[in-house]
Amino acid sequence: MRTRQLWLVCGFYAALLFVAQSVMTHIVPYAVDLNISKPVAATIVATIGGSSIIGRLVMGFSSDRIGRKRGILICFLILVTALAWLQVSNQLWMLYLFAAIYGFNHGGFFAQVSPLLAWLFGTRSQGTLLGIVIFSGTFFGGVSPIITGRIFDVTGSYQAAFLMLLLSAVVGLILITLLKPIRQGGDR
């Protein structure tokens, strides 16, 4: 609890879930605002789900080989790329491409958080630490759709809200770069 590393993980996970919950809540209304029918817009979420499965498998496997920090860095780079693409996505094909890229990293993150904690702290208190990290993410993930919706209500557009999500992802990327293991011999 007194380590900088735990709070860095809580910070990047909060930034991640801030983005994730807003995307999952607002991507369909955004598509509908672009005159895409609701049933077709809903397939964007299905695309995220399908890509998420692939991301969990690929990034879970990859991070076992390249290391936890590198795996999460890759996911954050993909997330930043996807959110930058979302800034200009105004057609269905663009939203499908966003969903495929975003979904991959979405799944990739969740396959790596628990192993990252083991890399940083060992496994002795992993359940407690994972609970603290997930709480931080859940809290910020819970408020993010409300903030995103409010920005839309005030501005009449998702542009500023999606920019806020991109900035949140950049903050998460910065926080993950600062992580170093506490236990000796942790090189991945």
N, C-alpha and C. Protein backbone atom coordinates (compact mmCIF):
# COMPACT_ATOMS: atom_id res chain seq x y z
N MET A 1 0.82 -1.20 0.00
CA MET A 1 0.00 0.00 0.00
C MET A 1 0.86 1.26 0.00
N ARG A 2 2.07 1.15 0.49
CA ARG A 2 2.93 2.34 0.57
C ARG A 2 3.90 2.45 -0.59
N THR A 3 3.69 1.65 -1.61
CA THR A 3 4.62 1.69 -2.74
C THR A 3 4.08 2.57 -3.86
N ARG A 4 5.00 3.21 -4.51
CA ARG A 4 4.67 4.02 -5.68
C ARG A 4 4.10 3.14 -6.79
N GLN A 5 4.61 1.93 -6.91
CA GLN A 5 4.18 1.02 -7.98
C GLN A 5 2.69 0.71 -7.90
N LEU A 6 2.19 0.44 -6.71
CA LEU A 6 0.77 0.10 -6.59
C LEU A 6 -0.08 1.27 -7.05
N TRP A 7 0.29 2.48 -6.68
CA TRP A 7 -0.51 3.64 -7.06
C TRP A 7 -0.38 3.95 -8.54
N LEU A 8 0.77 3.63 -9.13
CA LEU A 8 0.91 3.77 -10.59
C LEU A 8 -0.01 2.78 -11.31
N VAL A 9 -0.07 1.55 -10.81
CA VAL A 9 -0.97 0.56 -11.41
C VAL A 9 -2.42 1.00 -11.24
N CYS A 10 -2.77 1.46 -10.04
CA CYS A 10 -4.14 1.97 -9.82
C CYS A 10 -4.44 3.11 -10.78
N GLY A 11 -3.47 3.99 -10.99
CA GLY A 11 -3.67 5.12 -11.89
C GLY A 11 -3.87 4.70 -13.33
N PHE A 12 -3.00 3.81 -13.82
CA PHE A 12 -3.17 3.41 -15.22
C PHE A 12 -4.44 2.58 -15.40
N TYR A 13 -4.80 1.79 -14.41
CA TYR A 13 -6.02 0.99 -14.53
C TYR A 13 -7.26 1.89 -14.45
N ALA A 14 -7.21 2.94 -13.64
CA ALA A 14 -8.30 3.90 -13.58
C ALA A 14 -8.44 4.61 -14.93
N ALA A 15 -7.32 5.02 -15.51
CA ALA A 15 -7.36 5.66 -16.84
C ALA A 15 -7.92 4.70 -17.88
N LEU A 16 -7.50 3.45 -17.81
CA LEU A 16 -7.98 2.44 -18.76
C LEU A 16 -9.48 2.23 -18.65
N LEU A 17 -9.99 2.03 -17.44
CA LEU A 17 -11.42 1.81 -17.29
C LEU A 17 -12.24 3.07 -17.52
N PHE A 18 -11.65 4.22 -17.28
CA PHE A 18 -12.32 5.47 -17.62
C PHE A 18 -12.63 5.46 -19.12
N VAL A 19 -11.65 5.06 -19.92
CA VAL A 19 -11.84 4.97 -21.36
C VAL A 19 -12.81 3.84 -21.71
N ALA A 20 -12.56 2.67 -21.18
CA ALA A 20 -13.32 1.48 -21.57
C ALA A 20 -14.81 1.63 -21.32
N GLN A 21 -15.19 2.11 -20.17
CA GLN A 21 -16.62 2.21 -19.86
C GLN A 21 -17.30 3.29 -20.71
N SER A 22 -16.60 4.37 -21.00
CA SER A 22 -17.18 5.39 -21.86
C SER A 22 -17.34 4.88 -23.28
N VAL A 23 -16.34 4.20 -23.79
CA VAL A 23 -16.44 3.65 -25.14
C VAL A 23 -17.62 2.67 -25.22
N MET A 24 -17.69 1.75 -24.28
CA MET A 24 -18.74 0.73 -24.34
C MET A 24 -20.14 1.35 -24.17
N THR A 25 -20.24 2.45 -23.45
CA THR A 25 -21.53 3.10 -23.23
C THR A 25 -21.91 4.02 -24.39
N HIS A 26 -20.95 4.70 -24.97
CA HIS A 26 -21.27 5.78 -25.91
C HIS A 26 -20.98 5.49 -27.37
N ILE A 27 -20.36 4.36 -27.71
CA ILE A 27 -20.04 4.12 -29.11
C ILE A 27 -21.30 3.92 -29.96
N VAL A 28 -22.30 3.25 -29.43
CA VAL A 28 -23.54 3.07 -30.19
C VAL A 28 -24.29 4.39 -30.35
N PRO A 29 -24.50 5.18 -29.29
CA PRO A 29 -25.14 6.49 -29.51
C PRO A 29 -24.37 7.37 -30.49
N TYR A 30 -23.05 7.29 -30.45
CA TYR A 30 -22.24 8.06 -31.40
C TYR A 30 -22.55 7.61 -32.83
N ALA A 31 -22.59 6.31 -33.04
CA ALA A 31 -22.89 5.78 -34.38
C ALA A 31 -24.31 6.18 -34.81
N VAL A 32 -25.25 6.11 -33.91
CA VAL A 32 -26.62 6.51 -34.23
C VAL A 32 -26.67 8.00 -34.61
N ASP A 33 -25.89 8.82 -33.92
CA ASP A 33 -25.80 10.24 -34.28
C ASP A 33 -25.23 10.45 -35.68
N LEU A 34 -24.50 9.46 -36.18
CA LEU A 34 -23.96 9.51 -37.55
C LEU A 34 -24.95 8.93 -38.57
N ASN A 35 -26.19 8.73 -38.12
CA ASN A 35 -27.26 8.18 -38.96
C ASN A 35 -27.07 6.71 -39.31
N ILE A 36 -26.41 5.99 -38.44
CA ILE A 36 -26.30 4.54 -38.58
C ILE A 36 -27.44 3.94 -37.76
N SER A 37 -28.15 2.97 -38.32
CA SER A 37 -29.30 2.40 -37.62
C SER A 37 -28.84 1.73 -36.31
N LYS A 38 -29.74 1.69 -35.35
CA LYS A 38 -29.41 1.10 -34.04
C LYS A 38 -28.96 -0.35 -34.14
N PRO A 39 -29.66 -1.21 -34.92
CA PRO A 39 -29.18 -2.61 -35.01
C PRO A 39 -27.78 -2.71 -35.61
N VAL A 40 -27.48 -1.92 -36.61
CA VAL A 40 -26.14 -1.95 -37.21
C VAL A 40 -25.12 -1.36 -36.23
N ALA A 41 -25.49 -0.28 -35.56
CA ALA A 41 -24.59 0.33 -34.58
C ALA A 41 -24.24 -0.66 -33.47
N ALA A 42 -25.20 -1.48 -33.09
CA ALA A 42 -24.94 -2.47 -32.04
C ALA A 42 -23.89 -3.49 -32.46
N THR A 43 -23.74 -3.72 -33.77
CA THR A 43 -22.72 -4.67 -34.22
C THR A 43 -21.31 -4.14 -33.99
N ILE A 44 -21.18 -2.84 -33.77
CA ILE A 44 -19.87 -2.28 -33.43
C ILE A 44 -19.42 -2.83 -32.09
N VAL A 45 -20.34 -2.91 -31.14
CA VAL A 45 -20.02 -3.49 -29.82
C VAL A 45 -19.69 -4.97 -29.96
N ALA A 46 -20.41 -5.67 -30.84
CA ALA A 46 -20.11 -7.09 -31.07
C ALA A 46 -18.70 -7.25 -31.66
N THR A 47 -18.31 -6.33 -32.52
CA THR A 47 -16.96 -6.37 -33.08
C THR A 47 -15.92 -6.16 -31.99
N ILE A 48 -16.19 -5.25 -31.08
CA ILE A 48 -15.28 -5.05 -29.94
C ILE A 48 -15.15 -6.35 -29.15
N GLY A 49 -16.28 -7.01 -28.90
CA GLY A 49 -16.26 -8.26 -28.14
C GLY A 49 -15.46 -9.35 -28.83
N GLY A 50 -15.66 -9.50 -30.13
CA GLY A 50 -14.91 -10.53 -30.88
C GLY A 50 -13.43 -10.25 -30.90
N SER A 51 -13.07 -8.99 -31.12
CA SER A 51 -11.65 -8.63 -31.12
C SER A 51 -11.04 -8.75 -29.73
N SER A 52 -11.85 -8.54 -28.72
CA SER A 52 -11.38 -8.67 -27.34
C SER A 52 -10.93 -10.10 -27.04
N ILE A 53 -11.65 -11.06 -27.55
CA ILE A 53 -11.27 -12.46 -27.36
C ILE A 53 -9.89 -12.71 -27.96
N ILE A 54 -9.70 -12.22 -29.17
CA ILE A 54 -8.41 -12.39 -29.84
C ILE A 54 -7.31 -11.68 -29.05
N GLY A 55 -7.59 -10.47 -28.59
CA GLY A 55 -6.60 -9.72 -27.81
C GLY A 55 -6.21 -10.42 -26.53
N ARG A 56 -7.18 -11.03 -25.85
CA ARG A 56 -6.87 -11.75 -24.61
C ARG A 56 -5.91 -12.90 -24.88
N LEU A 57 -6.18 -13.64 -25.94
CA LEU A 57 -5.34 -14.79 -26.26
C LEU A 57 -3.96 -14.35 -26.74
N VAL A 58 -3.92 -13.44 -27.69
CA VAL A 58 -2.64 -13.01 -28.26
C VAL A 58 -1.78 -12.29 -27.23
N MET A 59 -2.35 -11.32 -26.53
CA MET A 59 -1.55 -10.54 -25.59
C MET A 59 -1.22 -11.33 -24.32
N GLY A 60 -2.10 -12.22 -23.90
CA GLY A 60 -1.77 -13.09 -22.77
C GLY A 60 -0.56 -13.96 -23.10
N PHE A 61 -0.60 -14.57 -24.28
CA PHE A 61 0.50 -15.40 -24.75
C PHE A 61 1.77 -14.56 -24.95
N SER A 62 1.61 -13.42 -25.60
CA SER A 62 2.77 -12.57 -25.91
C SER A 62 3.44 -12.03 -24.65
N SER A 63 2.64 -11.60 -23.69
CA SER A 63 3.25 -11.01 -22.49
C SER A 63 4.01 -12.05 -21.68
N ASP A 64 3.65 -13.32 -21.83
CA ASP A 64 4.44 -14.37 -21.19
C ASP A 64 5.84 -14.44 -21.78
N ARG A 65 5.99 -14.00 -23.02
CA ARG A 65 7.27 -14.06 -23.70
C ARG A 65 8.02 -12.73 -23.69
N ILE A 66 7.31 -11.62 -23.86
CA ILE A 66 7.99 -10.33 -23.98
C ILE A 66 8.01 -9.56 -22.66
N GLY A 67 7.23 -10.00 -21.70
CA GLY A 67 7.18 -9.33 -20.41
C GLY A 67 5.90 -8.57 -20.20
N ARG A 68 5.51 -8.43 -18.95
CA ARG A 68 4.24 -7.79 -18.58
C ARG A 68 4.21 -6.32 -18.96
N LYS A 69 5.25 -5.62 -18.59
CA LYS A 69 5.27 -4.19 -18.85
C LYS A 69 5.24 -3.92 -20.36
N ARG A 70 6.03 -4.65 -21.12
CA ARG A 70 6.03 -4.46 -22.57
C ARG A 70 4.66 -4.79 -23.17
N GLY A 71 4.04 -5.84 -22.66
CA GLY A 71 2.71 -6.21 -23.16
C GLY A 71 1.69 -5.12 -22.92
N ILE A 72 1.70 -4.55 -21.74
CA ILE A 72 0.75 -3.49 -21.43
C ILE A 72 1.12 -2.20 -22.18
N LEU A 73 2.39 -1.94 -22.35
CA LEU A 73 2.80 -0.79 -23.17
C LEU A 73 2.26 -0.92 -24.60
N ILE A 74 2.37 -2.11 -25.15
CA ILE A 74 1.85 -2.34 -26.50
C ILE A 74 0.34 -2.07 -26.52
N CYS A 75 -0.37 -2.57 -25.53
CA CYS A 75 -1.81 -2.34 -25.47
C CYS A 75 -2.13 -0.85 -25.36
N PHE A 76 -1.38 -0.12 -24.57
CA PHE A 76 -1.63 1.32 -24.46
C PHE A 76 -1.33 2.04 -25.78
N LEU A 77 -0.29 1.62 -26.47
CA LEU A 77 0.00 2.23 -27.77
C LEU A 77 -1.12 1.96 -28.76
N ILE A 78 -1.65 0.74 -28.73
CA ILE A 78 -2.79 0.40 -29.58
C ILE A 78 -4.01 1.21 -29.17
N LEU A 79 -4.24 1.36 -27.88
CA LEU A 79 -5.38 2.13 -27.39
C LEU A 79 -5.29 3.59 -27.84
N VAL A 80 -4.13 4.20 -27.69
CA VAL A 80 -3.95 5.58 -28.12
C VAL A 80 -4.20 5.70 -29.63
N THR A 81 -3.69 4.74 -30.40
CA THR A 81 -3.91 4.73 -31.85
C THR A 81 -5.40 4.63 -32.17
N ALA A 82 -6.09 3.71 -31.50
CA ALA A 82 -7.52 3.52 -31.74
C ALA A 82 -8.31 4.78 -31.40
N LEU A 83 -7.98 5.40 -30.28
CA LEU A 83 -8.71 6.61 -29.88
C LEU A 83 -8.38 7.80 -30.78
N ALA A 84 -7.17 7.85 -31.30
CA ALA A 84 -6.84 8.89 -32.28
C ALA A 84 -7.66 8.66 -33.55
N TRP A 85 -7.80 7.40 -33.97
CA TRP A 85 -8.61 7.07 -35.13
C TRP A 85 -10.08 7.42 -34.87
N LEU A 86 -10.55 7.21 -33.67
CA LEU A 86 -11.94 7.53 -33.34
C LEU A 86 -12.22 9.02 -33.52
N GLN A 87 -11.21 9.86 -33.32
CA GLN A 87 -11.40 11.31 -33.47
C GLN A 87 -11.88 11.68 -34.87
N VAL A 88 -11.52 10.88 -35.88
CA VAL A 88 -11.90 11.18 -37.26
C VAL A 88 -12.91 10.19 -37.84
N SER A 89 -13.30 9.20 -37.05
CA SER A 89 -14.20 8.16 -37.54
C SER A 89 -15.63 8.69 -37.64
N ASN A 90 -16.11 8.78 -38.87
CA ASN A 90 -17.46 9.28 -39.08
C ASN A 90 -18.25 8.46 -40.09
N GLN A 91 -17.76 7.27 -40.39
CA GLN A 91 -18.44 6.35 -41.29
C GLN A 91 -18.42 4.97 -40.65
N LEU A 92 -19.34 4.12 -41.08
CA LEU A 92 -19.46 2.80 -40.48
C LEU A 92 -18.17 1.99 -40.59
N TRP A 93 -17.55 1.96 -41.75
CA TRP A 93 -16.33 1.18 -41.90
C TRP A 93 -15.24 1.67 -40.95
N MET A 94 -15.21 2.98 -40.72
CA MET A 94 -14.21 3.55 -39.81
C MET A 94 -14.49 3.11 -38.37
N LEU A 95 -15.76 3.04 -38.01
CA LEU A 95 -16.12 2.58 -36.67
C LEU A 95 -15.83 1.09 -36.50
N TYR A 96 -16.03 0.30 -37.55
CA TYR A 96 -15.66 -1.12 -37.47
C TYR A 96 -14.16 -1.29 -37.29
N LEU A 97 -13.38 -0.48 -38.01
CA LEU A 97 -11.92 -0.55 -37.85
C LEU A 97 -11.54 -0.14 -36.43
N PHE A 98 -12.15 0.94 -35.95
CA PHE A 98 -11.91 1.34 -34.56
C PHE A 98 -12.23 0.19 -33.61
N ALA A 99 -13.41 -0.43 -33.80
CA ALA A 99 -13.86 -1.50 -32.90
C ALA A 99 -12.90 -2.68 -32.91
N ALA A 100 -12.38 -3.03 -34.08
CA ALA A 100 -11.45 -4.16 -34.16
C ALA A 100 -10.14 -3.84 -33.43
N ILE A 101 -9.61 -2.65 -33.65
CA ILE A 101 -8.36 -2.27 -33.00
C ILE A 101 -8.57 -2.08 -31.49
N TYR A 102 -9.61 -1.34 -31.15
CA TYR A 102 -9.91 -1.09 -29.75
C TYR A 102 -10.19 -2.40 -29.01
N GLY A 103 -11.00 -3.25 -29.59
CA GLY A 103 -11.36 -4.51 -28.95
C GLY A 103 -10.15 -5.38 -28.66
N PHE A 104 -9.19 -5.42 -29.59
CA PHE A 104 -7.98 -6.21 -29.39
C PHE A 104 -7.25 -5.75 -28.12
N ASN A 105 -7.03 -4.45 -27.99
CA ASN A 105 -6.32 -3.98 -26.80
C ASN A 105 -7.17 -4.11 -25.55
N HIS A 106 -8.47 -3.96 -25.69
CA HIS A 106 -9.39 -4.11 -24.55
C HIS A 106 -9.19 -5.49 -23.91
N GLY A 107 -9.21 -6.52 -24.73
CA GLY A 107 -8.98 -7.86 -24.22
C GLY A 107 -7.56 -8.07 -23.74
N GLY A 108 -6.62 -7.50 -24.47
CA GLY A 108 -5.22 -7.65 -24.10
C GLY A 108 -4.89 -7.11 -22.73
N PHE A 109 -5.49 -5.98 -22.38
CA PHE A 109 -5.27 -5.41 -21.05
C PHE A 109 -5.72 -6.37 -19.96
N PHE A 110 -6.92 -6.87 -20.09
CA PHE A 110 -7.50 -7.65 -19.01
C PHE A 110 -6.83 -8.99 -18.81
N ALA A 111 -6.13 -9.47 -19.83
CA ALA A 111 -5.37 -10.72 -19.67
C ALA A 111 -4.07 -10.49 -18.93
N GLN A 112 -3.66 -9.24 -18.76
CA GLN A 112 -2.32 -8.96 -18.23
C GLN A 112 -2.27 -8.30 -16.86
N VAL A 113 -3.38 -7.81 -16.36
CA VAL A 113 -3.33 -7.05 -15.10
C VAL A 113 -2.89 -7.91 -13.93
N SER A 114 -3.49 -9.06 -13.76
CA SER A 114 -3.12 -9.93 -12.64
C SER A 114 -1.66 -10.39 -12.74
N PRO A 115 -1.21 -10.86 -13.92
CA PRO A 115 0.21 -11.22 -14.02
C PRO A 115 1.15 -10.03 -13.80
N LEU A 116 0.72 -8.83 -14.19
CA LEU A 116 1.54 -7.64 -13.94
C LEU A 116 1.75 -7.45 -12.45
N LEU A 117 0.69 -7.61 -11.67
CA LEU A 117 0.81 -7.46 -10.22
C LEU A 117 1.76 -8.51 -9.64
N ALA A 118 1.70 -9.73 -10.15
CA ALA A 118 2.62 -10.77 -9.68
C ALA A 118 4.06 -10.41 -10.04
N TRP A 119 4.26 -9.84 -11.22
CA TRP A 119 5.60 -9.41 -11.63
C TRP A 119 6.12 -8.31 -10.71
N LEU A 120 5.26 -7.38 -10.37
CA LEU A 120 5.68 -6.26 -9.54
C LEU A 120 5.89 -6.63 -8.08
N PHE A 121 4.96 -7.44 -7.53
CA PHE A 121 4.92 -7.63 -6.08
C PHE A 121 5.07 -9.08 -5.63
N GLY A 122 5.12 -10.02 -6.55
CA GLY A 122 5.06 -11.41 -6.16
C GLY A 122 3.60 -11.81 -5.97
N THR A 123 3.38 -13.02 -5.49
CA THR A 123 2.00 -13.51 -5.39
C THR A 123 1.46 -13.55 -3.96
N ARG A 124 2.23 -13.18 -3.00
CA ARG A 124 1.82 -13.31 -1.60
C ARG A 124 0.51 -12.58 -1.28
N SER A 125 0.35 -11.37 -1.75
CA SER A 125 -0.85 -10.57 -1.47
C SER A 125 -1.57 -10.20 -2.77
N GLN A 126 -1.48 -11.05 -3.75
CA GLN A 126 -2.02 -10.71 -5.06
C GLN A 126 -3.53 -10.46 -5.05
N GLY A 127 -4.28 -11.22 -4.29
CA GLY A 127 -5.72 -11.03 -4.23
C GLY A 127 -6.09 -9.66 -3.68
N THR A 128 -5.43 -9.27 -2.61
CA THR A 128 -5.69 -7.95 -2.01
C THR A 128 -5.30 -6.83 -2.96
N LEU A 129 -4.13 -6.96 -3.55
CA LEU A 129 -3.66 -5.92 -4.47
C LEU A 129 -4.55 -5.83 -5.70
N LEU A 130 -4.95 -6.98 -6.24
CA LEU A 130 -5.84 -6.97 -7.39
C LEU A 130 -7.18 -6.32 -7.03
N GLY A 131 -7.67 -6.57 -5.83
CA GLY A 131 -8.90 -5.94 -5.38
C GLY A 131 -8.79 -4.43 -5.32
N ILE A 132 -7.66 -3.93 -4.83
CA ILE A 132 -7.43 -2.49 -4.75
C ILE A 132 -7.37 -1.88 -6.15
N VAL A 133 -6.64 -2.53 -7.03
CA VAL A 133 -6.50 -2.03 -8.41
C VAL A 133 -7.85 -2.04 -9.13
N ILE A 134 -8.58 -3.13 -9.00
CA ILE A 134 -9.88 -3.22 -9.67
C ILE A 134 -10.85 -2.19 -9.09
N PHE A 135 -10.79 -1.95 -7.79
CA PHE A 135 -11.64 -0.92 -7.21
C PHE A 135 -11.36 0.44 -7.84
N SER A 136 -10.08 0.78 -7.98
CA SER A 136 -9.75 2.09 -8.56
C SER A 136 -10.29 2.20 -9.97
N GLY A 137 -10.14 1.14 -10.74
CA GLY A 137 -10.67 1.15 -12.10
C GLY A 137 -12.17 1.21 -12.14
N THR A 138 -12.81 0.46 -11.26
CA THR A 138 -14.27 0.43 -11.21
C THR A 138 -14.84 1.80 -10.85
N PHE A 139 -14.22 2.45 -9.90
CA PHE A 139 -14.70 3.78 -9.51
C PHE A 139 -14.64 4.74 -10.71
N PHE A 140 -13.48 4.85 -11.33
CA PHE A 140 -13.33 5.79 -12.45
C PHE A 140 -14.11 5.33 -13.68
N GLY A 141 -14.20 4.01 -13.86
CA GLY A 141 -15.03 3.50 -14.95
C GLY A 141 -16.50 3.78 -14.72
N GLY A 142 -16.91 3.85 -13.47
CA GLY A 142 -18.30 4.13 -13.15
C GLY A 142 -18.70 5.58 -13.42
N VAL A 143 -17.79 6.50 -13.22
CA VAL A 143 -18.13 7.91 -13.43
C VAL A 143 -17.89 8.36 -14.87
N SER A 144 -17.06 7.64 -15.60
CA SER A 144 -16.69 8.13 -16.93
C SER A 144 -17.86 8.22 -17.91
N PRO A 145 -18.79 7.25 -17.97
CA PRO A 145 -19.90 7.43 -18.91
C PRO A 145 -20.76 8.65 -18.57
N ILE A 146 -20.86 8.97 -17.30
CA ILE A 146 -21.63 10.14 -16.89
C ILE A 146 -20.94 11.42 -17.36
N ILE A 147 -19.63 11.48 -17.17
CA ILE A 147 -18.87 12.66 -17.61
C ILE A 147 -18.92 12.78 -19.13
N THR A 148 -18.72 11.67 -19.81
CA THR A 148 -18.77 11.69 -21.27
C THR A 148 -20.14 12.14 -21.76
N GLY A 149 -21.20 11.61 -21.15
CA GLY A 149 -22.56 12.01 -21.51
C GLY A 149 -22.82 13.47 -21.24
N ARG A 150 -22.30 13.96 -20.15
CA ARG A 150 -22.50 15.38 -19.81
C ARG A 150 -21.79 16.28 -20.82
N ILE A 151 -20.59 15.90 -21.21
CA ILE A 151 -19.87 16.68 -22.21
C ILE A 151 -20.67 16.70 -23.51
N PHE A 152 -21.22 15.55 -23.89
CA PHE A 152 -22.05 15.51 -25.09
C PHE A 152 -23.28 16.41 -24.93
N ASP A 153 -23.93 16.33 -23.77
CA ASP A 153 -25.13 17.15 -23.55
C ASP A 153 -24.83 18.65 -23.64
N VAL A 154 -23.68 19.05 -23.13
CA VAL A 154 -23.32 20.47 -23.12
C VAL A 154 -22.88 20.94 -24.51
N THR A 155 -22.09 20.11 -25.20
CA THR A 155 -21.50 20.55 -26.47
C THR A 155 -22.31 20.10 -27.69
N GLY A 156 -23.15 19.07 -27.52
CA GLY A 156 -23.90 18.54 -28.66
C GLY A 156 -23.06 17.68 -29.58
N SER A 157 -21.87 17.30 -29.12
CA SER A 157 -20.95 16.52 -29.94
C SER A 157 -20.12 15.61 -29.03
N TYR A 158 -19.63 14.52 -29.62
CA TYR A 158 -18.73 13.63 -28.88
C TYR A 158 -17.26 14.02 -29.06
N GLN A 159 -16.96 15.02 -29.87
CA GLN A 159 -15.58 15.36 -30.17
C GLN A 159 -14.76 15.65 -28.91
N ALA A 160 -15.22 16.54 -28.06
CA ALA A 160 -14.48 16.87 -26.84
C ALA A 160 -14.41 15.68 -25.89
N ALA A 161 -15.47 14.92 -25.80
CA ALA A 161 -15.50 13.75 -24.92
C ALA A 161 -14.49 12.70 -25.39
N PHE A 162 -14.44 12.46 -26.70
CA PHE A 162 -13.50 11.47 -27.22
C PHE A 162 -12.06 11.97 -27.09
N LEU A 163 -11.86 13.26 -27.18
CA LEU A 163 -10.53 13.82 -26.95
C LEU A 163 -10.12 13.60 -25.49
N MET A 164 -11.06 13.77 -24.56
CA MET A 164 -10.79 13.50 -23.15
C MET A 164 -10.37 12.03 -22.95
N LEU A 165 -11.02 11.11 -23.67
CA LEU A 165 -10.65 9.70 -23.56
C LEU A 165 -9.25 9.45 -24.09
N LEU A 166 -8.92 10.10 -25.19
CA LEU A 166 -7.56 9.98 -25.74
C LEU A 166 -6.53 10.49 -24.73
N LEU A 167 -6.80 11.62 -24.12
CA LEU A 167 -5.87 12.16 -23.12
C LEU A 167 -5.75 11.24 -21.91
N SER A 168 -6.84 10.62 -21.51
CA SER A 168 -6.80 9.65 -20.41
C SER A 168 -5.91 8.47 -20.77
N ALA A 169 -6.00 8.00 -22.01
CA ALA A 169 -5.15 6.89 -22.44
C ALA A 169 -3.67 7.30 -22.45
N VAL A 170 -3.39 8.52 -22.84
CA VAL A 170 -2.00 9.01 -22.82
C VAL A 170 -1.48 9.05 -21.39
N VAL A 171 -2.31 9.48 -20.45
CA VAL A 171 -1.92 9.49 -19.03
C VAL A 171 -1.60 8.05 -18.59
N GLY A 172 -2.46 7.10 -18.94
CA GLY A 172 -2.20 5.71 -18.60
C GLY A 172 -0.90 5.19 -19.19
N LEU A 173 -0.63 5.56 -20.44
CA LEU A 173 0.62 5.17 -21.10
C LEU A 173 1.82 5.72 -20.34
N ILE A 174 1.76 6.95 -19.93
CA ILE A 174 2.86 7.56 -19.16
C ILE A 174 3.05 6.83 -17.84
N LEU A 175 1.96 6.53 -17.16
CA LEU A 175 2.07 5.85 -15.86
C LEU A 175 2.70 4.47 -15.99
N ILE A 176 2.35 3.72 -17.02
CA ILE A 176 2.91 2.36 -17.17
C ILE A 176 4.41 2.43 -17.46
N THR A 177 4.86 3.48 -18.12
CA THR A 177 6.30 3.57 -18.40
C THR A 177 7.12 3.77 -17.13
N LEU A 178 6.50 4.25 -16.07
CA LEU A 178 7.21 4.51 -14.82
C LEU A 178 7.33 3.29 -13.91
N LEU A 179 6.68 2.18 -14.28
CA LEU A 179 6.67 0.99 -13.42
C LEU A 179 7.99 0.24 -13.42
N LYS A 180 8.38 -0.21 -12.24
CA LYS A 180 9.53 -1.08 -12.06
C LYS A 180 9.15 -2.10 -10.98
N PRO A 181 9.65 -3.33 -11.09
CA PRO A 181 9.29 -4.34 -10.09
C PRO A 181 9.90 -4.04 -8.73
N ILE A 182 9.23 -4.46 -7.69
CA ILE A 182 9.74 -4.31 -6.33
C ILE A 182 10.64 -5.47 -5.98
N ARG A 183 10.18 -6.66 -6.33
CA ARG A 183 10.97 -7.85 -5.98
C ARG A 183 12.19 -7.97 -6.89
N GLN A 184 13.23 -8.62 -6.41
CA GLN A 184 14.46 -8.79 -7.16
C GLN A 184 14.27 -9.81 -8.27
N GLY A 185 15.00 -9.62 -9.35
CA GLY A 185 14.98 -10.59 -10.44
C GLY A 185 13.80 -10.43 -11.38
N GLY A 186 13.00 -9.39 -11.21
CA GLY A 186 11.85 -9.20 -12.09
C GLY A 186 12.25 -8.43 -13.32
N ASP A 187 12.50 -9.14 -14.42
CA ASP A 187 12.95 -8.49 -15.65
C ASP A 187 11.87 -8.41 -16.71
N ARG A 188 10.68 -8.86 -16.42
CA ARG A 188 9.65 -8.85 -17.45
C ARG A 188 8.43 -8.19 -16.93
